[in-house]
């Protein structure tokens, strides 16, 4: 009996090991999951510390975030169409990964959708991870020379986190402010096992979806610091003074309603001369996101937002 149990146990362990190794090999060979860091090769450092990093110029269909990214000579994401910038009114969109179009192709971004819906050209100057400080610095160093007729800032609530600009390391990975080489604290398995990394991503996605549901159930809780809000408003006022007369402030929803904060933010943005477009009026706090993500909007949500924004400004 003991011998049979030992044999059966050994066979089970061996089968499990073979199964795990087969998955490990398959993930590595197909490229579905790598062990080494594989960041999108779309960023370059900038000498201005207030910018820190930006998109590389002249990219052509570079794979990034399960989509492709192309940029012009200024490092602005291409819209995917052939509109003539010299013959149309020009609006520049500033923001983070929401406005950039994380997870969608060049012709599917908010800027591209708005260009199709109007006779104007919308240039996508948004960059993943950007805060208002970086948006202003980018505008002053690069965008302002384009002499835009209007500017649209797409606000997302993590803009109120008060974080400093991130850092691009030597491998092209975006790190948090203050990161230093050698700060890699990933567990051994994550650094050596593709199977473990894939499994952990799946578990993280499941946890994120549960967290999303929890936040929506407690949507009336206020998670914004008043000090951070006041700092953001001060910076927004100062930024507004160097922007064109025509300027828009788009509020993109997260999982909370921000019933205390949003009226203050709206009022202050209007006082600074912005036309405020509140996408809570369209989505509430339930924006459809990418299937593999709980933050960034799906293509369907981007199209709905573009249509709503277009009706507000024309």
Protein backbone atom coordinates (compact mmCIF):
# COMPACT_ATOMS: atom_id res chain seq x y z
CA UNK A 1 0.00 0.00 0.00
CA UNK A 2 2.74 2.44 0.95
CA UNK A 3 4.65 1.49 -2.19
CA UNK A 4 1.57 2.22 -4.34
CA UNK A 5 1.03 5.57 -2.64
CA UNK A 6 4.67 6.48 -3.21
CA UNK A 7 4.49 5.52 -6.88
CA UNK A 8 1.21 7.37 -7.45
CA UNK A 9 2.51 10.42 -5.60
CA UNK A 10 5.72 10.43 -7.64
CA UNK A 11 3.73 10.15 -10.88
CA UNK A 12 1.48 13.04 -9.85
CA UNK A 13 4.43 15.26 -8.94
CA UNK A 14 6.25 14.33 -12.17
CA UNK A 15 3.15 15.03 -14.27
CA UNK A 16 2.67 18.39 -12.58
CA UNK A 17 6.32 19.26 -13.13
CA UNK A 18 6.16 18.29 -16.82
CA UNK A 19 2.93 20.27 -17.24
CA UNK A 20 4.49 23.35 -15.62
CA UNK A 21 7.67 23.09 -17.68
CA UNK A 22 5.63 22.72 -20.87
CA UNK A 23 3.72 25.90 -20.10
CA UNK A 24 6.96 27.66 -19.18
CA UNK A 25 8.53 26.63 -22.49
CA UNK A 26 5.43 27.57 -24.48
CA UNK A 27 5.18 31.04 -22.94
CA UNK A 28 8.84 31.76 -23.67
CA UNK A 29 8.88 30.37 -27.23
CA UNK A 30 5.69 32.16 -28.30
CA UNK A 31 6.73 35.39 -26.59
CA UNK A 32 3.43 35.59 -24.72
CA UNK A 33 5.42 36.08 -21.52
CA UNK A 34 9.10 36.83 -21.07
CA UNK A 35 11.30 36.62 -18.02
CA UNK A 36 13.45 39.61 -18.85
CA UNK A 37 11.91 43.09 -18.68
CA UNK A 38 10.29 43.92 -22.01
CA UNK A 39 9.16 47.54 -21.81
CA UNK A 40 7.68 49.27 -24.85
CA UNK A 41 10.50 50.98 -26.76
CA UNK A 42 8.63 54.24 -27.21
CA UNK A 43 10.23 56.56 -24.65
CA UNK A 44 13.33 58.70 -24.54
CA UNK A 45 14.78 60.81 -21.76
CA UNK A 46 14.45 64.59 -21.89
CA UNK A 47 16.99 67.06 -20.53
CA UNK A 48 14.26 69.12 -18.89
CA UNK A 49 13.75 67.56 -15.41
CA UNK A 50 10.15 68.80 -15.42
CA UNK A 51 9.53 66.62 -18.48
CA UNK A 52 11.92 63.76 -17.56
CA UNK A 53 10.82 61.52 -20.44
CA UNK A 54 8.75 61.81 -23.60
CA UNK A 55 7.76 59.77 -26.64
CA UNK A 56 10.48 59.05 -29.17
CA UNK A 57 10.14 60.99 -32.41
CA UNK A 58 9.55 59.28 -35.77
CA UNK A 59 8.29 55.95 -34.47
CA UNK A 60 6.54 53.74 -37.02
CA UNK A 61 4.09 51.09 -35.82
CA UNK A 62 6.13 50.33 -32.71
CA UNK A 63 4.49 47.60 -30.55
CA UNK A 64 3.35 48.97 -27.19
CA UNK A 65 0.60 48.03 -24.75
CA UNK A 66 -0.94 45.43 -27.10
CA UNK A 67 -1.23 48.02 -29.86
CA UNK A 68 1.13 49.97 -32.14
CA UNK A 69 2.43 53.52 -31.73
CA UNK A 70 3.66 55.95 -34.38
CA UNK A 71 4.95 59.46 -33.70
CA UNK A 72 5.83 62.53 -35.74
CA UNK A 73 9.10 64.45 -35.74
CA UNK A 74 8.10 66.21 -32.52
CA UNK A 75 7.36 62.99 -30.65
CA UNK A 76 3.59 63.47 -30.76
CA UNK A 77 1.52 60.36 -31.38
CA UNK A 78 0.21 60.17 -34.93
CA UNK A 79 -3.55 60.27 -35.43
CA UNK A 80 -3.56 57.62 -38.13
CA UNK A 81 -5.01 59.90 -40.80
CA UNK A 82 -3.56 62.15 -43.49
CA UNK A 83 -5.15 65.49 -42.55
CA UNK A 84 -3.24 68.61 -43.57
CA UNK A 85 -2.15 70.48 -40.46
CA UNK A 86 -1.57 73.70 -42.44
CA UNK A 87 -5.15 74.02 -43.64
CA UNK A 88 -7.09 73.45 -40.44
CA UNK A 89 -7.66 74.75 -36.97
CA UNK A 90 -5.31 72.96 -34.61
CA UNK A 91 -6.23 71.67 -31.16
CA UNK A 92 -3.58 69.97 -29.01
CA UNK A 93 -4.63 67.36 -26.46
CA UNK A 94 -2.57 67.07 -23.27
CA UNK A 95 -2.92 64.33 -20.68
CA UNK A 96 -1.71 60.96 -19.49
CA UNK A 97 -2.31 57.39 -20.68
CA UNK A 98 -6.08 57.94 -20.90
CA UNK A 99 -5.73 60.64 -23.56
CA UNK A 100 -2.66 58.94 -25.10
CA UNK A 101 -4.75 55.89 -25.95
CA UNK A 102 -3.20 53.12 -23.87
CA UNK A 103 -4.05 49.80 -25.48
CA UNK A 104 -5.52 51.17 -28.75
CA UNK A 105 -3.94 51.94 -32.12
CA UNK A 106 -3.05 55.37 -33.48
CA UNK A 107 -6.29 55.81 -35.44
CA UNK A 108 -8.39 54.80 -32.41
CA UNK A 109 -7.26 57.43 -29.88
CA UNK A 110 -9.39 60.30 -28.64
CA UNK A 111 -7.44 62.76 -30.81
CA UNK A 112 -8.00 60.66 -33.92
CA UNK A 113 -11.72 60.18 -33.20
CA UNK A 114 -12.21 63.92 -32.71
CA UNK A 115 -10.31 64.71 -35.92
CA UNK A 116 -12.68 62.44 -37.85
CA UNK A 117 -15.74 64.07 -36.28
CA UNK A 118 -14.72 67.61 -37.18
CA UNK A 119 -12.95 69.78 -39.74
CA UNK A 120 -10.25 70.47 -37.17
CA UNK A 121 -7.01 68.63 -36.52
CA UNK A 122 -6.44 67.26 -33.04
CA UNK A 123 -2.83 66.49 -32.16
CA UNK A 124 -2.19 63.90 -29.48
CA UNK A 125 0.50 65.29 -27.15
CA UNK A 126 -0.52 63.07 -24.23
CA UNK A 127 2.07 60.76 -22.67
CA UNK A 128 1.47 57.84 -20.26
CA UNK A 129 2.25 58.72 -16.66
CA UNK A 130 2.23 62.48 -17.14
CA UNK A 131 1.08 64.88 -14.45
CA UNK A 132 0.14 68.53 -14.94
CA UNK A 133 3.74 69.65 -14.29
CA UNK A 134 4.99 67.52 -17.19
CA UNK A 135 2.14 68.61 -19.44
CA UNK A 136 3.01 72.26 -18.90
CA UNK A 137 6.74 71.67 -19.43
CA UNK A 138 6.05 69.72 -22.63
CA UNK A 139 3.77 72.50 -23.84
CA UNK A 140 6.37 75.19 -23.20
CA UNK A 141 9.28 73.26 -24.73
CA UNK A 142 7.62 71.66 -27.75
CA UNK A 143 3.89 72.18 -28.24
CA UNK A 144 3.78 75.96 -28.01
CA UNK A 145 5.86 76.27 -31.19
CA UNK A 146 3.03 74.62 -33.12
CA UNK A 147 0.91 77.69 -32.33
CA UNK A 148 -2.27 75.75 -31.56
CA UNK A 149 -5.63 77.45 -31.84
CA UNK A 150 -6.88 75.56 -28.79
CA UNK A 151 -5.66 73.21 -26.07
CA UNK A 152 -7.60 70.39 -24.43
CA UNK A 153 -6.45 69.00 -21.08
CA UNK A 154 -7.82 65.54 -20.30
CA UNK A 155 -7.89 65.26 -16.52
CA UNK A 156 -7.89 61.94 -14.69
CA UNK A 157 -8.14 61.67 -10.92
CA UNK A 158 -4.66 60.27 -10.35
CA UNK A 159 -3.47 63.73 -11.45
CA UNK A 160 -4.28 64.67 -7.86
CA UNK A 161 -1.84 62.15 -6.40
CA UNK A 162 0.78 64.88 -6.17
CA UNK A 163 3.49 62.66 -7.63
CA UNK A 164 6.69 64.00 -9.15
CA UNK A 165 7.65 63.09 -12.75
CA UNK A 166 8.67 59.48 -13.24
CA UNK A 167 12.10 58.34 -14.37
CA UNK A 168 13.10 56.35 -17.45
CA UNK A 169 15.79 53.82 -16.54
CA UNK A 170 18.53 52.47 -18.85
CA UNK A 171 16.26 49.60 -19.96
CA UNK A 172 13.46 51.94 -20.99
CA UNK A 173 11.27 51.08 -17.97
CA UNK A 174 9.29 53.89 -16.38
CA UNK A 175 10.09 54.14 -12.68
CA UNK A 176 8.64 56.23 -9.89
CA UNK A 177 10.23 59.49 -8.79
CA UNK A 178 13.31 58.86 -6.66
CA UNK A 179 13.97 55.39 -8.08
CA UNK A 180 17.62 54.36 -8.14
CA UNK A 181 19.43 51.47 -9.92
CA UNK A 182 19.41 48.36 -7.75
CA UNK A 183 15.95 49.03 -6.35
CA UNK A 184 14.54 45.91 -8.04
CA UNK A 185 12.68 44.09 -5.26
CA UNK A 186 10.85 41.55 -7.42
CA UNK A 187 10.76 38.01 -5.97
CA UNK A 188 13.11 35.39 -7.41
CA UNK A 189 10.33 33.54 -9.25
CA UNK A 190 9.17 36.69 -11.04
CA UNK A 191 12.72 37.24 -12.29
CA UNK A 192 13.14 33.66 -13.52
CA UNK A 193 9.76 32.10 -14.34
CA UNK A 194 7.51 33.12 -17.24
CA UNK A 195 4.77 30.84 -15.88
CA UNK A 196 4.88 32.57 -12.49
CA UNK A 197 4.75 36.03 -14.09
CA UNK A 198 1.78 35.09 -16.25
CA UNK A 199 -0.04 33.52 -13.30
CA UNK A 200 0.65 36.57 -11.15
CA UNK A 201 -0.69 38.90 -13.85
CA UNK A 202 -3.88 36.85 -14.03
CA UNK A 203 -4.32 36.97 -10.28
CA UNK A 204 -3.56 40.70 -10.24
CA UNK A 205 -6.22 41.31 -12.91
CA UNK A 206 -8.79 39.36 -10.89
CA UNK A 207 -7.87 41.31 -7.77
CA UNK A 208 -8.07 44.60 -9.70
CA UNK A 209 -11.56 43.77 -10.95
CA UNK A 210 -12.71 42.98 -7.40
CA UNK A 211 -11.12 46.21 -6.21
CA UNK A 212 -12.90 48.09 -8.99
CA UNK A 213 -16.24 46.64 -7.92
CA UNK A 214 -15.52 47.55 -4.30
CA UNK A 215 -14.71 51.15 -5.21
CA UNK A 216 -17.88 51.51 -7.25
CA UNK A 217 -19.90 50.14 -4.33
CA UNK A 218 -18.37 52.89 -2.18
CA UNK A 219 -18.50 55.52 -4.92
CA UNK A 220 -19.57 58.32 -2.56
CA UNK A 221 -16.41 58.12 -0.49
CA UNK A 222 -14.04 61.02 -1.13
CA UNK A 223 -10.43 59.98 -1.69
CA UNK A 224 -8.91 63.35 -2.64
CA UNK A 225 -6.74 65.39 -0.30
CA UNK A 226 -7.83 69.03 -0.08
CA UNK A 227 -4.18 70.16 -0.02
CA UNK A 228 -3.43 68.25 -3.21
CA UNK A 229 -6.53 69.68 -4.86
CA UNK A 230 -5.53 73.23 -3.94
CA UNK A 231 -2.03 72.68 -5.34
CA UNK A 232 -3.44 71.31 -8.58
CA UNK A 233 -5.82 74.26 -8.92
CA UNK A 234 -2.97 76.73 -8.40
CA UNK A 235 -0.88 75.00 -11.07
CA UNK A 236 -3.85 74.88 -13.44
CA UNK A 237 -4.48 78.61 -13.03
CA UNK A 238 -0.84 79.39 -13.77
CA UNK A 239 -0.83 77.07 -16.79
CA UNK A 240 -3.99 78.67 -18.15
CA UNK A 241 -2.26 82.06 -18.45
CA UNK A 242 0.04 80.80 -21.23
CA UNK A 243 -2.57 78.77 -23.13
CA UNK A 244 -4.63 79.99 -26.09
CA UNK A 245 -7.92 81.71 -25.35
CA UNK A 246 -9.79 78.60 -26.50
CA UNK A 247 -9.13 75.88 -23.94
CA UNK A 248 -11.02 72.83 -22.75
CA UNK A 249 -10.85 70.82 -19.55
CA UNK A 250 -12.20 67.28 -19.89
CA UNK A 251 -12.94 65.40 -16.67
CA UNK A 252 -12.50 61.65 -17.22
CA UNK A 253 -14.33 59.51 -14.60
CA UNK A 254 -12.81 56.95 -12.30
CA UNK A 255 -14.73 54.60 -9.97
CA UNK A 256 -15.70 57.34 -7.50
CA UNK A 257 -18.26 60.12 -7.88
CA UNK A 258 -16.16 62.84 -6.16
CA UNK A 259 -19.30 64.71 -5.11
CA UNK A 260 -17.30 67.09 -2.90
CA UNK A 261 -14.22 67.57 -5.08
CA UNK A 262 -15.63 67.69 -8.61
CA UNK A 263 -17.75 70.83 -8.15
CA UNK A 264 -14.70 72.68 -6.79
CA UNK A 265 -12.49 71.48 -9.62
CA UNK A 266 -15.15 72.39 -12.20
CA UNK A 267 -15.64 75.86 -10.77
CA UNK A 268 -11.92 76.59 -10.60
CA UNK A 269 -11.31 75.37 -14.14
CA UNK A 270 -14.11 77.59 -15.45
CA UNK A 271 -12.69 80.55 -13.50
CA UNK A 272 -9.34 79.91 -15.21
CA UNK A 273 -11.02 80.25 -18.60
CA UNK A 274 -11.58 76.61 -19.50
CA UNK A 275 -14.70 75.19 -21.07
CA UNK A 276 -15.35 72.20 -18.80
CA UNK A 277 -16.60 68.94 -20.31
CA UNK A 278 -17.65 66.50 -17.60
CA UNK A 279 -17.74 62.92 -18.85
CA UNK A 280 -19.53 61.84 -15.67
CA UNK A 281 -22.59 63.16 -17.48
CA UNK A 282 -22.02 60.45 -20.08
CA UNK A 283 -20.58 57.52 -18.13
CA UNK A 284 -21.28 58.16 -14.47
CA UNK A 285 -18.55 56.22 -12.67
CA UNK A 286 -18.85 53.15 -14.94
CA UNK A 287 -16.51 53.56 -17.91
CA UNK A 288 -16.02 50.39 -19.92
CA UNK A 289 -12.31 49.53 -19.82
CA UNK A 290 -10.01 47.25 -21.81
CA UNK A 291 -10.62 43.56 -21.29
CA UNK A 292 -7.17 43.11 -19.76
CA UNK A 293 -7.18 46.32 -17.73
CA UNK A 294 -9.41 48.05 -15.17
CA UNK A 295 -8.30 51.67 -15.72
CA UNK A 296 -7.88 52.48 -19.40
CA UNK A 297 -10.95 52.94 -21.60
CA UNK A 298 -11.98 50.50 -24.30
CA UNK A 299 -12.27 51.61 -27.91
CA UNK A 300 -16.04 51.78 -27.48
CA UNK A 301 -15.65 54.16 -24.51
CA UNK A 302 -13.21 56.35 -26.44
CA UNK A 303 -15.66 56.62 -29.34
CA UNK A 304 -18.52 57.52 -26.98
CA UNK A 305 -16.37 60.13 -25.25
CA UNK A 306 -15.29 61.67 -28.58
CA UNK A 307 -18.88 61.94 -29.75
CA UNK A 308 -19.94 63.55 -26.45
CA UNK A 309 -17.03 66.02 -26.47
CA UNK A 310 -17.68 66.94 -30.11
CA UNK A 311 -21.29 67.84 -29.31
CA UNK A 312 -20.13 70.03 -26.42
CA UNK A 313 -17.62 72.12 -28.38
CA UNK A 314 -19.30 72.53 -31.78
